[in-house]
Amino acid sequence: MFVDKVKIFVKSGRGGDGHVSFRREKYVPNGGPDGGDGGRGGHVIFEVDSGCNTLMNFRHKRHYKAEDGEAGSKKRCHGKDGADKIVRVPKGTIIREANTNKVIADLYKDGQVEVIFKGGKGGKGNQHFATPTRQAPKYAEKGRDAKEYWITLELKMIADVGLVGFPNVGKSTLLSMISNAQPKIANYHFTTLAPNLGVATNKYGKQFVVADIPGLIEGASEGVGLGFDFLRHIERTKVIVHVVDASGQEGRNPIEDILAIMAEIDAYNPEILKTKPQIIAANKMDMEEAGENIKELAEYFEKRDIQVVPISAATNYNLQTLLTDVGNLLETVNKEDIIFEPEFFEEEIKRDKFSTEKIEDGYYVVEGIGVEKMIGYTSLDSEKGLAFMQKYLKEKGIIESLENLGIQEGDTVRIYNVEFEYYK
């Protein structure tokens, strides 16, 4: 079974907590703090598997979690890092955040490895927080939280050329005649339920990958039939070949059929037809009725700068001409792979989040990505820098949060590795 879209849950590992302990040895009655750091949580990593061409495995397993980091321990022992979770997917898989549908990563090349969500950092042990005024800190950092998301995986076939058209127009037969592909072929609708790939070579030795996109129907862009599942595979192709039954069997009009397919593609993504060259393969020219339609077909579309090539996939008629013309079109397009750029940046969403905690009477801790970055780029030796920090803490609601915890003037506040006295 071919599966090209799934929704799964992924979670990175939580960082291990730092440890609170003090050196206790014979003849060392007042040993200092020696709590070790927590280990890093495991990352969620996606890797391209060249031996896989479907997302079928994800239908049976939906949850993927990396290991948490171990907590630190005494004698400055560092906790063990959590094991990464490696998820293997086919080439051409696009990873999106499920709620926003924004692209996280595009796995478009062999052997590609992407760290999608990093594990939480391990917390620092109390050995790091000793100061001249606080020589026995009873506080250690907690490990950073794990990152968890529902994501969607979409498989978009990577091919140079996409064959599109209604069911039963001969796309599978054409693919089998011009390439090494062996799709199932029969004379009934929806024979092809999964895209097939083949490598074609024209008489000049130019090779390109051709995808047989399963037959579309009117309403596909609205999800009718398997429309969405098929239309997404057109997005990566560089040239579109419209395969049409030029004989007009079953009372169909070849021109109307092509216009209907174009309308469905345009409704799904208007950029596809604007940016990709198109050519029409007028198939089944071995049938008598085709001769009556080909002239009208060519006259209509060549006025619109779309070439019409009469062929017969069943008898091998004019297929090399079609391959030569397709090869020429490929020379006019960008040679680079079509890549979907990342749109979702997890840290940007969470950078303003913070936490405040009362450790003991008179001692408070503030944590958060944005707060730590602010401390890093602010000069705390100047009056201007201190004023900027005060303004930042007030605007972000951090001072209000500390006051809700009961902070009083003269109490100590620690942000990252810097301690301050609190004054209103």
Protein backbone atom coordinates (compact mmCIF):
# COMPACT_ATOMS: atom_id res chain seq x y z
CA MET A 1 0.00 0.00 0.00
CA PHE A 2 1.31 3.45 -0.95
CA VAL A 3 0.99 6.04 1.83
CA ASP A 4 2.17 9.60 1.20
CA LYS A 5 0.78 11.62 4.11
CA VAL A 6 0.67 10.86 7.84
CA LYS A 7 0.40 12.69 11.14
CA ILE A 8 2.69 11.68 14.01
CA PHE A 9 3.70 12.86 17.48
CA VAL A 10 7.36 13.56 18.25
CA LYS A 11 9.01 14.53 21.53
CA SER A 12 12.62 15.31 22.31
CA GLY A 13 14.21 14.34 25.62
CA ARG A 14 14.03 16.51 28.72
CA GLY A 15 17.34 17.67 30.16
CA GLY A 16 18.43 16.01 33.40
CA ASP A 17 18.31 18.09 36.58
CA GLY A 18 21.45 19.43 38.16
CA HIS A 19 22.36 17.89 41.52
CA VAL A 20 22.66 19.51 44.95
CA SER A 21 25.36 17.96 47.13
CA PHE A 22 28.41 18.93 49.18
CA ARG A 23 31.81 17.37 49.48
CA ARG A 24 31.87 15.09 52.51
CA GLU A 25 35.21 13.48 53.21
CA LYS A 26 37.23 12.62 56.25
CA TYR A 27 39.35 15.54 57.39
CA VAL A 28 37.36 17.88 55.09
CA PRO A 29 34.58 19.06 57.41
CA ASN A 30 33.52 22.05 55.28
CA GLY A 31 33.73 20.77 51.73
CA GLY A 32 32.23 22.95 49.06
CA PRO A 33 29.36 22.20 46.67
CA ASP A 34 30.03 19.30 44.28
CA GLY A 35 26.68 18.66 42.59
CA GLY A 36 27.09 17.47 38.98
CA ASP A 37 25.28 18.68 35.87
CA GLY A 38 22.33 16.90 34.29
CA GLY A 39 22.68 15.20 30.91
CA ARG A 40 21.26 16.59 27.68
CA GLY A 41 17.94 15.25 26.47
CA GLY A 42 17.93 13.26 23.22
CA HIS A 43 17.29 15.00 19.91
CA VAL A 44 14.58 14.05 17.40
CA ILE A 45 16.45 13.37 14.16
CA PHE A 46 15.02 12.58 10.72
CA GLU A 47 17.13 10.72 8.18
CA VAL A 48 16.53 9.85 4.52
CA ASP A 49 16.34 6.09 3.93
CA SER A 50 17.14 5.27 0.29
CA GLY A 51 15.49 1.86 0.64
CA CYS A 52 12.07 3.32 1.48
CA ASN A 53 9.54 4.91 -0.90
CA THR A 54 6.38 5.13 1.20
CA LEU A 55 5.25 6.36 4.61
CA MET A 56 3.41 3.09 5.25
CA ASN A 57 5.34 2.28 8.45
CA PHE A 58 3.95 5.39 10.13
CA ARG A 59 0.40 4.06 9.86
CA HIS A 60 1.17 1.56 12.62
CA LYS A 61 3.36 3.67 14.91
CA ARG A 62 2.44 7.29 15.60
CA HIS A 63 4.53 8.29 18.65
CA TYR A 64 8.29 8.86 18.59
CA LYS A 65 10.13 9.95 21.74
CA ALA A 66 13.79 10.54 22.51
CA GLU A 67 15.23 9.65 25.92
CA ASP A 68 15.46 12.10 28.79
CA GLY A 69 18.86 13.07 30.12
CA GLU A 70 19.91 11.63 33.47
CA ALA A 71 20.21 13.83 36.53
CA GLY A 72 23.65 14.82 37.80
CA SER A 73 25.02 13.27 40.96
CA LYS A 74 27.50 13.97 43.73
CA LYS A 75 31.24 14.31 43.26
CA ARG A 76 30.61 16.48 40.20
CA CYS A 77 29.42 13.48 38.19
CA HIS A 78 27.69 14.48 34.94
CA GLY A 79 24.38 12.79 34.11
CA LYS A 80 24.23 10.61 30.98
CA ASP A 81 22.87 12.25 27.83
CA GLY A 82 19.57 10.86 26.56
CA ALA A 83 19.64 8.73 23.39
CA ASP A 84 18.53 10.48 20.21
CA LYS A 85 15.42 9.27 18.39
CA ILE A 86 16.25 8.67 14.73
CA VAL A 87 13.24 8.51 12.38
CA ARG A 88 13.87 7.23 8.84
CA VAL A 89 11.76 8.54 5.94
CA PRO A 90 11.80 8.33 2.12
CA LYS A 91 13.56 10.94 0.01
CA GLY A 92 11.17 13.75 -0.84
CA THR A 93 9.49 13.89 2.58
CA ILE A 94 8.42 17.32 3.81
CA ILE A 95 7.94 17.77 7.57
CA ARG A 96 5.34 20.31 8.69
CA GLU A 97 4.15 21.49 12.11
CA ALA A 98 0.58 20.19 12.24
CA ASN A 99 -1.19 23.24 13.72
CA THR A 100 0.36 25.92 11.51
CA ASN A 101 1.16 23.70 8.49
CA LYS A 102 4.51 25.49 8.26
CA VAL A 103 7.49 23.63 6.78
CA ILE A 104 10.03 22.46 9.36
CA ALA A 105 12.35 20.64 6.95
CA ASP A 106 12.49 19.25 3.42
CA LEU A 107 14.35 15.95 3.13
CA TYR A 108 15.10 16.03 -0.59
CA LYS A 109 18.48 14.34 -1.01
CA ASP A 110 20.04 10.94 -0.35
CA GLY A 111 21.61 10.52 3.06
CA GLN A 112 20.20 13.81 4.38
CA VAL A 113 20.04 14.08 8.18
CA GLU A 114 18.17 16.85 10.00
CA VAL A 115 17.88 17.54 13.74
CA ILE A 116 14.22 18.56 13.90
CA PHE A 117 13.83 19.19 17.65
CA LYS A 118 16.76 19.42 20.05
CA GLY A 119 16.67 17.83 23.46
CA GLY A 120 16.55 20.04 26.53
CA LYS A 121 19.83 21.18 28.06
CA GLY A 122 20.88 19.56 31.29
CA GLY A 123 20.66 21.70 34.41
CA LYS A 124 23.80 22.87 36.18
CA GLY A 125 24.71 21.38 39.52
CA ASN A 126 25.11 23.55 42.60
CA GLN A 127 28.91 23.59 42.14
CA HIS A 128 28.39 26.39 39.59
CA PHE A 129 26.47 28.72 41.90
CA ALA A 130 28.93 29.27 44.71
CA THR A 131 29.78 32.95 45.23
CA PRO A 132 31.85 34.77 47.88
CA THR A 133 28.63 35.64 49.69
CA ARG A 134 26.83 32.32 49.06
CA GLN A 135 29.40 29.59 49.57
CA ALA A 136 26.95 26.76 50.17
CA PRO A 137 24.24 27.11 47.48
CA LYS A 138 21.37 24.71 48.00
CA TYR A 139 20.11 25.25 44.49
CA ALA A 140 20.72 23.50 41.18
CA GLU A 141 19.23 24.16 37.78
CA LYS A 142 16.41 22.02 36.53
CA GLY A 143 16.83 20.45 33.13
CA ARG A 144 15.20 22.20 30.19
CA ASP A 145 11.84 20.88 29.12
CA ALA A 146 11.38 18.55 26.17
CA LYS A 147 9.86 19.82 22.93
CA GLU A 148 6.79 18.01 21.74
CA TYR A 149 4.71 18.51 18.61
CA TRP A 150 2.27 16.85 16.29
CA ILE A 151 3.77 17.00 12.83
CA THR A 152 2.69 15.89 9.37
CA LEU A 153 4.89 14.04 6.91
CA GLU A 154 4.16 14.59 3.22
CA LEU A 155 5.88 12.60 0.51
CA LYS A 156 6.27 14.56 -2.74
CA MET A 157 7.84 12.45 -5.46
CA ILE A 158 11.09 13.89 -6.82
CA ALA A 159 10.87 13.70 -10.62
CA ASP A 160 11.87 15.90 -13.54
CA VAL A 161 8.70 15.21 -15.51
CA GLY A 162 5.13 14.59 -14.34
CA LEU A 163 2.55 12.79 -16.51
CA VAL A 164 -0.93 14.11 -15.72
CA GLY A 165 -4.36 13.42 -17.15
CA PHE A 166 -7.67 11.73 -16.54
CA PRO A 167 -7.83 7.99 -15.74
CA ASN A 168 -7.48 5.54 -18.62
CA VAL A 169 -5.70 7.92 -21.04
CA GLY A 170 -2.56 5.76 -21.23
CA LYS A 171 -0.14 7.35 -18.77
CA SER A 172 0.99 4.01 -17.33
CA THR A 173 1.41 2.52 -20.80
CA LEU A 174 3.45 5.56 -21.86
CA LEU A 175 5.69 5.30 -18.79
CA SER A 176 6.29 1.60 -19.41
CA MET A 177 7.27 2.27 -23.05
CA ILE A 178 9.70 5.14 -22.41
CA SER A 179 11.37 3.91 -19.22
CA ASN A 180 12.33 0.93 -17.11
CA ALA A 181 9.19 1.22 -14.97
CA GLN A 182 6.69 -1.65 -14.91
CA PRO A 183 3.39 -0.19 -13.68
CA LYS A 184 0.25 -2.31 -13.61
CA ILE A 185 -1.80 -1.61 -16.74
CA ALA A 186 -5.45 -2.41 -17.43
CA ASN A 187 -8.36 -0.87 -19.26
CA TYR A 188 -10.41 0.51 -16.38
CA HIS A 189 -10.52 3.64 -14.28
CA PHE A 190 -8.10 4.27 -11.42
CA THR A 191 -5.75 1.44 -12.32
CA THR A 192 -2.91 3.49 -10.83
CA LEU A 193 -3.39 4.32 -7.16
CA ALA A 194 0.23 5.30 -6.47
CA PRO A 195 2.72 7.40 -8.41
CA ASN A 196 5.21 5.34 -10.41
CA LEU A 197 8.72 6.50 -11.29
CA GLY A 198 10.84 5.59 -14.29
CA VAL A 199 14.05 6.83 -15.92
CA ALA A 200 13.64 7.81 -19.59
CA THR A 201 16.44 8.41 -22.12
CA ASN A 202 15.97 10.25 -25.41
CA LYS A 203 17.95 9.56 -28.60
CA TYR A 204 20.52 12.19 -27.64
CA GLY A 205 21.36 10.38 -24.40
CA LYS A 206 19.66 12.84 -22.04
CA GLN A 207 18.17 11.05 -19.03
CA PHE A 208 15.37 12.29 -16.77
CA VAL A 209 13.04 10.88 -14.15
CA VAL A 210 9.39 10.61 -15.14
CA ALA A 211 6.51 10.24 -12.65
CA ASP A 212 3.13 8.81 -13.61
CA ILE A 213 0.76 10.89 -11.47
CA PRO A 214 -2.41 8.83 -10.87
CA GLY A 215 -5.49 9.89 -12.85
CA LEU A 216 -7.14 13.07 -11.64
CA ILE A 217 -10.85 13.79 -11.69
CA GLU A 218 -12.81 17.02 -11.61
CA GLY A 219 -13.02 18.27 -8.03
CA ALA A 220 -9.59 16.89 -7.15
CA SER A 221 -8.44 20.29 -5.87
CA GLU A 222 -11.31 20.16 -3.37
CA GLY A 223 -10.29 16.73 -2.14
CA VAL A 224 -12.67 14.72 -4.34
CA GLY A 225 -11.39 11.20 -4.89
CA LEU A 226 -7.71 11.10 -4.00
CA GLY A 227 -7.12 14.58 -5.40
CA PHE A 228 -4.91 16.12 -2.71
CA ASP A 229 -2.79 12.99 -2.49
CA PHE A 230 -2.07 13.09 -6.23
CA LEU A 231 -1.77 16.82 -6.81
CA ARG A 232 1.02 17.27 -4.26
CA HIS A 233 3.35 15.11 -6.38
CA ILE A 234 3.16 17.62 -9.25
CA GLU A 235 4.76 20.34 -7.11
CA ARG A 236 8.30 18.95 -7.34
CA THR A 237 8.26 18.20 -11.08
CA LYS A 238 9.97 20.61 -13.51
CA VAL A 239 7.96 19.84 -16.67
CA ILE A 240 4.30 18.80 -16.94
CA VAL A 241 3.21 16.44 -19.72
CA HIS A 242 -0.55 16.40 -20.24
CA VAL A 243 -1.48 12.95 -21.55
CA VAL A 244 -4.85 13.01 -23.31
CA ASP A 245 -6.91 10.46 -25.23
CA ALA A 246 -6.94 12.11 -28.67
CA SER A 247 -9.50 9.58 -29.93
CA GLY A 248 -12.16 11.02 -27.61
CA GLN A 249 -13.35 7.62 -26.46
CA GLU A 250 -16.30 7.45 -24.05
CA GLY A 251 -17.67 10.65 -25.57
CA ARG A 252 -14.96 12.87 -24.03
CA ASN A 253 -13.57 16.02 -25.64
CA PRO A 254 -9.72 16.12 -25.54
CA ILE A 255 -9.56 19.92 -25.28
CA GLU A 256 -12.09 20.03 -22.45
CA ASP A 257 -10.23 17.25 -20.63
CA ILE A 258 -6.94 19.16 -20.67
CA LEU A 259 -8.59 22.41 -19.61
CA ALA A 260 -10.32 20.57 -16.74
CA ILE A 261 -7.00 19.14 -15.50
CA MET A 262 -5.38 22.56 -15.75
CA ALA A 263 -8.23 24.05 -13.72
CA GLU A 264 -7.74 21.46 -10.96
CA ILE A 265 -3.97 22.07 -10.80
CA ASP A 266 -4.51 25.83 -10.78
CA ALA A 267 -7.07 25.60 -7.98
CA TYR A 268 -4.67 23.49 -5.89
CA ASN A 269 -1.64 25.77 -6.40
CA PRO A 270 -1.74 28.64 -8.94
CA GLU A 271 2.07 28.81 -9.07
CA ILE A 272 2.44 25.37 -10.65
CA LEU A 273 1.20 26.23 -14.15
CA LYS A 274 2.81 29.68 -14.03
CA THR A 275 6.30 28.35 -13.35
CA LYS A 276 6.47 24.94 -15.08
CA PRO A 277 6.70 24.37 -18.87
CA GLN A 278 3.90 22.21 -20.30
CA ILE A 279 3.58 19.92 -23.30
CA ILE A 280 0.66 17.82 -24.52
CA ALA A 281 1.05 14.14 -25.49
CA ALA A 282 -1.97 13.38 -27.70
CA ASN A 283 -2.17 9.62 -27.15
CA LYS A 284 -3.98 6.79 -28.96
CA MET A 285 -3.21 8.12 -32.42
CA ASP A 286 -3.49 4.53 -33.69
CA MET A 287 -7.29 4.87 -33.44
CA GLU A 288 -9.29 6.31 -36.33
CA GLU A 289 -11.12 8.95 -34.30
CA ALA A 290 -7.82 10.53 -33.20
CA GLY A 291 -7.09 11.90 -36.68
CA GLU A 292 -10.21 14.03 -36.54
CA ASN A 293 -9.29 15.62 -33.19
CA ILE A 294 -5.54 16.21 -33.45
CA LYS A 295 -5.76 19.20 -35.78
CA GLU A 296 -8.25 21.00 -33.57
CA LEU A 297 -6.23 20.07 -30.46
CA ALA A 298 -2.96 21.41 -31.91
CA GLU A 299 -4.57 24.59 -33.23
CA TYR A 300 -6.15 25.40 -29.86
CA PHE A 301 -3.12 24.88 -27.61
CA GLU A 302 -0.26 25.95 -29.87
CA LYS A 303 -1.86 29.40 -29.95
CA ARG A 304 -1.28 29.32 -26.21
CA ASP A 305 2.39 28.34 -26.64
CA ILE A 306 1.82 24.75 -25.52
CA GLN A 307 3.20 22.20 -27.96
CA VAL A 308 1.07 19.20 -28.98
CA VAL A 309 2.89 15.96 -29.89
CA PRO A 310 0.79 13.14 -31.45
CA ILE A 311 1.83 9.72 -30.07
CA SER A 312 0.67 6.18 -29.60
CA ALA A 313 2.05 4.57 -26.46
CA ALA A 314 0.62 1.20 -27.47
CA THR A 315 2.46 1.10 -30.86
CA ASN A 316 5.53 3.17 -29.88
CA TYR A 317 4.61 5.81 -32.47
CA ASN A 318 6.50 9.15 -32.18
CA LEU A 319 7.66 8.51 -28.62
CA GLN A 320 11.25 9.58 -29.36
CA THR A 321 9.94 12.90 -30.68
CA LEU A 322 8.08 13.41 -27.41
CA LEU A 323 11.19 12.55 -25.37
CA THR A 324 13.34 14.93 -27.43
CA ASP A 325 10.86 17.77 -26.96
CA VAL A 326 10.61 17.08 -23.22
CA GLY A 327 14.42 17.07 -22.98
CA ASN A 328 14.51 20.46 -24.72
CA LEU A 329 11.99 21.87 -22.23
CA LEU A 330 14.10 20.61 -19.33
CA GLU A 331 17.03 22.61 -20.70
CA THR A 332 15.00 25.80 -20.16
CA VAL A 333 14.26 25.25 -16.47
CA ASN A 334 16.35 25.63 -13.32
CA LYS A 335 18.57 22.55 -12.88
CA GLU A 336 18.46 22.70 -9.08
CA ASP A 337 16.09 20.54 -7.06
CA ILE A 338 12.80 22.12 -6.08
CA ILE A 339 13.13 22.64 -2.33
CA PHE A 340 10.57 23.77 0.23
CA GLU A 341 12.30 26.25 2.52
CA PRO A 342 11.77 26.06 6.33
CA GLU A 343 9.03 28.33 7.68
CA PHE A 344 8.72 27.07 11.26
CA PHE A 345 11.35 28.07 13.82
CA GLU A 346 10.56 26.56 17.20
CA GLU A 347 12.89 28.70 19.33
CA GLU A 348 11.45 31.94 18.00
CA ILE A 349 8.03 30.96 19.27
CA LYS A 350 9.27 30.14 22.76
CA ARG A 351 11.96 32.77 23.25
CA ASP A 352 9.76 35.10 25.33
CA LYS A 353 8.58 32.40 27.71
CA PHE A 354 10.07 32.50 31.19
CA SER A 355 9.69 30.92 34.60
CA THR A 356 10.20 32.36 38.05
CA GLU A 357 10.77 30.25 41.14
CA LYS A 358 11.26 30.91 44.84
CA ILE A 359 14.10 28.65 45.97
CA GLU A 360 14.18 29.73 49.61
CA ASP A 361 13.37 32.82 51.64
CA GLY A 362 15.11 35.77 50.03
CA TYR A 363 16.34 33.87 46.94
CA TYR A 364 14.58 33.72 43.54
CA VAL A 365 15.51 32.35 40.13
CA VAL A 366 14.38 33.53 36.68
CA GLU A 367 14.87 31.26 33.63
CA GLY A 368 14.00 31.50 29.95
CA ILE A 369 15.68 31.67 26.53
CA GLY A 370 14.86 35.33 25.95
CA VAL A 371 15.99 36.38 29.45
CA GLU A 372 19.31 34.58 29.08
CA LYS A 373 19.92 36.16 25.67
CA MET A 374 19.15 39.60 27.14
CA ILE A 375 21.74 39.06 29.90
CA GLY A 376 24.26 37.98 27.27
CA TYR A 377 24.03 41.13 25.15
CA THR A 378 23.47 43.71 27.93
CA SER A 379 26.36 45.57 29.56
CA LEU A 380 25.55 45.33 33.27
CA ASP A 381 28.52 47.49 34.23
CA SER A 382 26.84 50.64 32.96
CA GLU A 383 23.86 52.59 34.25
CA LYS A 384 22.34 52.51 30.79
CA GLY A 385 22.61 48.72 30.63
CA LEU A 386 21.00 48.26 34.04
CA ALA A 387 18.15 50.59 33.02
CA PHE A 388 17.62 48.54 29.85
CA MET A 389 17.50 45.30 31.88
CA GLN A 390 15.00 46.81 34.33
CA LYS A 391 12.79 47.91 31.45
CA TYR A 392 12.98 44.48 29.82
CA LEU A 393 12.04 42.65 33.04
CA LYS A 394 9.10 44.97 33.58
CA GLU A 395 7.76 44.79 30.00
CA LYS A 396 7.93 41.00 29.90
CA GLY A 397 6.01 40.68 33.17
CA ILE A 398 8.93 39.13 35.04
CA ILE A 399 8.93 41.69 37.87
CA GLU A 400 5.19 41.23 38.33
CA SER A 401 5.68 37.46 38.50
CA LEU A 402 8.41 37.85 41.15
CA GLU A 403 6.21 40.16 43.21
CA ASN A 404 3.42 37.57 43.05
CA LEU A 405 5.86 35.09 44.59
CA GLY A 406 6.46 37.52 47.47
CA ILE A 407 9.85 39.03 46.65
CA GLN A 408 10.95 41.86 48.93
CA GLU A 409 13.53 44.62 48.62
CA GLY A 410 17.03 43.32 49.29
CA ASP A 411 16.18 39.74 48.18
CA THR A 412 18.49 38.04 45.69
CA VAL A 413 17.44 37.25 42.10
CA ARG A 414 19.53 35.00 39.89
CA ILE A 415 19.19 35.17 36.10
CA TYR A 416 21.31 32.58 34.32
CA ASN A 417 24.63 32.91 36.20
CA VAL A 418 24.28 36.51 37.41
CA GLU A 419 22.86 37.50 40.82
CA PHE A 420 21.16 40.83 41.62
CA GLU A 421 19.61 42.47 44.65
CA TYR A 422 15.98 43.37 44.11
CA TYR A 423 14.85 47.00 44.58
CA LYS A 424 11.53 48.51 43.59
